[in-house]
Amino acid sequence: MADDRNAAPGDLAVPLTDDALAAISFQSYERTPTIEGVYVRPLRKHRAENGWFAELLRLDGGGVEGLPGAPLEVRQLSASRAAAGRVNAFHIHPRRGQNELWTVLQGQLLVWLVDCRAESATAGVRQRVVLSGEEPVQLFIPAGVAHGYRAGPEGALLVYAMDRQFEAAAPDEGRLPWDHFGAGLWEEDRG
């Protein structure tokens, strides 16, 4: 994300024109704030000359093995294919409290998370995560955290585990408008 702070002439070793000086901003590599209960856990790709293999989940009697925090007892495993550039936002699961564990296998997703839990220490915090099939990770999204994504130029294949089963007759698929937290979240980085 770009830092909106413009450069002051004294900050620069190379003098710039007034026009360039007024428009310049600098890339920020600071991490976005984190939301309580959200975590990103890298997965390991075992590469060989004929491809690669990665373990997505190890299950034991109590749920997913090796996850930090509360155990996640998987009740459903789903896949979703996002078309290139697709914005799919925002979802939240307040009725039954669904937790999710996401992994992108192919392509890329820009994911925005917003803590909507009234009693959370991080209520209102926004967290940005990039998920990629090149470097797969597990992203844990706790119940009450709104989540949405924008697919990269090749689209994306998302696999996700949930601790609740989908119920078509009474879905716990709360929706907030795609721009509820600001349309700027989904703008393409043209920088």
Protein backbone atom coordinates (compact mmCIF):
# COMPACT_ATOMS: atom_id res chain seq x y z
CA MET A 1 0.00 0.00 0.00
CA ALA A 2 1.31 3.41 -0.85
CA ASP A 3 2.04 5.92 1.88
CA ASP A 4 0.03 9.09 1.18
CA ARG A 5 2.72 11.29 2.71
CA ASN A 6 4.23 13.56 0.06
CA ALA A 7 7.96 14.17 0.08
CA ALA A 8 9.38 17.40 1.45
CA PRO A 9 12.18 18.90 -0.65
CA GLY A 10 14.64 18.48 2.24
CA ASP A 11 13.93 14.69 2.31
CA LEU A 12 15.30 14.16 -1.19
CA ALA A 13 18.87 13.77 -2.42
CA VAL A 14 17.69 14.41 -5.98
CA PRO A 15 15.80 17.68 -6.57
CA LEU A 16 12.47 17.15 -8.37
CA THR A 17 10.23 19.44 -10.38
CA ASP A 18 7.36 21.03 -8.46
CA ASP A 19 4.89 18.85 -10.39
CA ALA A 20 6.69 15.58 -9.50
CA LEU A 21 7.25 16.72 -5.92
CA ALA A 22 3.53 17.41 -5.43
CA ALA A 23 2.52 13.98 -6.75
CA ILE A 24 5.16 11.65 -5.32
CA SER A 25 4.42 9.15 -2.57
CA PHE A 26 6.49 6.28 -1.24
CA GLN A 27 5.66 2.60 -0.92
CA SER A 28 5.17 1.44 2.65
CA TYR A 29 6.20 -2.08 3.60
CA GLU A 30 4.75 -1.95 7.09
CA ARG A 31 2.45 -4.80 7.98
CA THR A 32 -1.23 -4.02 8.24
CA PRO A 33 -2.67 -4.20 11.75
CA THR A 34 -3.71 -7.67 12.82
CA ILE A 35 -7.10 -8.73 14.05
CA GLU A 36 -7.43 -10.71 17.25
CA GLY A 37 -7.88 -14.40 16.40
CA VAL A 38 -6.83 -14.07 12.73
CA TYR A 39 -3.63 -15.85 11.78
CA VAL A 40 -1.69 -16.69 8.66
CA ARG A 41 0.30 -19.92 8.72
CA PRO A 42 2.68 -20.76 5.87
CA LEU A 43 2.38 -24.16 4.25
CA ARG A 44 5.34 -26.04 2.87
CA LYS A 45 5.51 -27.03 -0.77
CA HIS A 46 7.55 -30.16 -1.39
CA ARG A 47 8.95 -29.48 -4.86
CA ALA A 48 10.33 -31.98 -7.35
CA GLU A 49 11.20 -31.88 -11.04
CA ASN A 50 7.72 -33.21 -11.84
CA GLY A 51 5.70 -30.75 -9.74
CA TRP A 52 4.96 -30.20 -6.06
CA PHE A 53 2.97 -31.55 -3.12
CA ALA A 54 1.63 -29.66 -0.08
CA GLU A 55 -0.26 -30.83 2.99
CA LEU A 56 -3.33 -28.63 3.49
CA LEU A 57 -4.83 -30.15 6.64
CA ARG A 58 -3.86 -32.82 9.10
CA LEU A 59 -6.88 -33.96 11.04
CA ASP A 60 -6.92 -35.62 14.44
CA GLY A 61 -9.76 -36.49 16.83
CA GLY A 62 -10.11 -32.86 17.96
CA GLY A 63 -10.00 -31.15 14.56
CA VAL A 64 -7.22 -29.62 12.52
CA GLU A 65 -3.80 -30.50 13.88
CA GLY A 66 -1.19 -27.83 14.62
CA LEU A 67 -3.32 -24.71 14.48
CA PRO A 68 -2.76 -21.94 17.03
CA GLY A 69 -5.68 -20.85 19.18
CA ALA A 70 -8.94 -22.70 19.62
CA PRO A 71 -9.34 -26.03 17.80
CA LEU A 72 -11.15 -26.04 14.46
CA GLU A 73 -13.38 -29.09 14.01
CA VAL A 74 -13.90 -29.31 10.25
CA ARG A 75 -17.53 -29.96 9.29
CA GLN A 76 -17.27 -29.07 5.59
CA LEU A 77 -14.55 -28.62 2.98
CA SER A 78 -15.40 -26.45 -0.05
CA ALA A 79 -13.77 -24.99 -3.14
CA SER A 80 -14.49 -21.78 -5.00
CA ARG A 81 -13.18 -20.55 -8.34
CA ALA A 82 -12.93 -16.77 -8.71
CA ALA A 83 -12.82 -15.22 -12.17
CA ALA A 84 -10.02 -12.76 -12.93
CA GLY A 85 -10.58 -9.43 -11.17
CA ARG A 86 -13.72 -10.64 -9.34
CA VAL A 87 -14.56 -8.78 -6.12
CA ASN A 88 -16.49 -11.03 -3.74
CA ALA A 89 -17.21 -9.03 -0.62
CA PHE A 90 -18.21 -8.74 2.16
CA HIS A 91 -19.39 -11.89 3.95
CA ILE A 92 -19.91 -12.48 7.64
CA HIS A 93 -21.41 -15.40 9.58
CA PRO A 94 -23.18 -14.03 12.70
CA ARG A 95 -26.07 -16.49 13.10
CA ARG A 96 -24.19 -19.65 14.01
CA GLY A 97 -20.64 -18.35 14.37
CA GLN A 98 -18.79 -20.01 11.48
CA ASN A 99 -14.98 -20.06 11.53
CA GLU A 100 -13.09 -20.61 8.26
CA LEU A 101 -9.62 -21.70 7.17
CA TRP A 102 -8.68 -20.54 3.64
CA THR A 103 -5.92 -21.67 1.27
CA VAL A 104 -5.40 -20.52 -2.33
CA LEU A 105 -4.08 -23.32 -4.53
CA GLN A 106 -3.86 -21.45 -7.82
CA GLY A 107 -3.79 -17.76 -8.69
CA GLN A 108 -3.99 -14.94 -6.18
CA LEU A 109 -6.51 -13.22 -3.90
CA LEU A 110 -6.25 -9.85 -2.20
CA VAL A 111 -8.22 -10.46 1.01
CA TRP A 112 -9.58 -7.78 3.31
CA LEU A 113 -10.73 -8.68 6.82
CA VAL A 114 -12.62 -6.30 9.11
CA ASP A 115 -13.30 -7.11 12.75
CA CYS A 116 -17.05 -6.55 13.30
CA ARG A 117 -17.23 -8.24 16.72
CA ALA A 118 -18.66 -5.72 19.18
CA GLU A 119 -16.67 -7.02 22.17
CA SER A 120 -13.35 -7.63 20.40
CA ALA A 121 -10.20 -5.76 21.45
CA THR A 122 -9.58 -5.16 17.73
CA ALA A 123 -13.15 -4.16 16.73
CA GLY A 124 -13.03 -2.04 13.58
CA VAL A 125 -9.49 -3.06 12.63
CA ARG A 126 -8.90 -3.82 8.94
CA GLN A 127 -6.33 -6.41 7.92
CA ARG A 128 -5.03 -7.00 4.39
CA VAL A 129 -3.68 -10.40 3.36
CA VAL A 130 -2.47 -11.59 -0.05
CA LEU A 131 -3.06 -15.30 -0.67
CA SER A 132 -1.20 -16.98 -3.51
CA GLY A 133 -0.88 -20.46 -4.94
CA GLU A 134 2.84 -19.77 -5.40
CA GLU A 135 3.36 -19.54 -1.64
CA PRO A 136 0.30 -21.18 -0.06
CA VAL A 137 -0.70 -20.31 3.49
CA GLN A 138 -3.60 -21.04 5.77
CA LEU A 139 -5.67 -17.98 6.70
CA PHE A 140 -7.89 -18.48 9.76
CA ILE A 141 -10.95 -16.20 9.80
CA PRO A 142 -12.88 -16.21 13.08
CA ALA A 143 -16.65 -15.79 13.26
CA GLY A 144 -17.64 -12.12 13.32
CA VAL A 145 -14.80 -11.00 11.06
CA ALA A 146 -16.13 -9.73 7.73
CA HIS A 147 -14.14 -11.06 4.79
CA GLY A 148 -13.93 -10.42 1.09
CA TYR A 149 -11.50 -10.73 -1.77
CA ARG A 150 -10.45 -9.50 -5.18
CA ALA A 151 -9.04 -12.13 -7.53
CA GLY A 152 -5.79 -11.53 -9.39
CA PRO A 153 -5.35 -11.38 -13.18
CA GLU A 154 -5.49 -15.19 -13.56
CA GLY A 155 -8.36 -15.65 -11.13
CA ALA A 156 -7.95 -17.99 -8.19
CA LEU A 157 -8.86 -21.39 -6.83
CA LEU A 158 -9.74 -21.21 -3.12
CA VAL A 159 -10.14 -24.24 -0.85
CA TYR A 160 -11.64 -23.61 2.56
CA ALA A 161 -12.57 -25.60 5.64
CA MET A 162 -15.44 -24.59 7.92
CA ASP A 163 -16.65 -25.67 11.33
CA ARG A 164 -20.30 -25.38 10.22
CA GLN A 165 -22.09 -26.98 7.31
CA PHE A 166 -23.82 -24.84 4.71
CA GLU A 167 -27.61 -24.85 5.11
CA ALA A 168 -29.40 -23.67 1.95
CA ALA A 169 -32.75 -23.41 3.81
CA ALA A 170 -31.31 -21.04 6.45
CA PRO A 171 -27.93 -19.73 5.24
CA ASP A 172 -25.59 -17.98 7.63
CA GLU A 173 -24.23 -15.95 4.75
CA GLY A 174 -24.57 -12.37 5.98
CA ARG A 175 -23.66 -9.84 3.32
CA LEU A 176 -22.36 -6.32 3.61
CA PRO A 177 -22.06 -4.13 0.49
CA TRP A 178 -18.78 -4.59 -1.41
CA ASP A 179 -17.86 -0.96 -0.65
CA HIS A 180 -19.13 -0.89 2.95
CA PHE A 181 -15.62 -0.30 4.30
CA GLY A 182 -14.57 1.90 1.36
CA ALA A 183 -14.36 1.26 -2.37
CA GLY A 184 -10.64 2.10 -2.25
CA LEU A 185 -9.88 -1.28 -0.68
CA TRP A 186 -10.49 -2.94 -4.04
CA GLU A 187 -8.65 -0.52 -6.30
CA GLU A 188 -6.01 -2.07 -8.49
CA ASP A 189 -2.42 -1.24 -7.58
CA ARG A 190 -1.23 0.74 -10.57
CA GLY A 191 1.89 1.94 -8.87
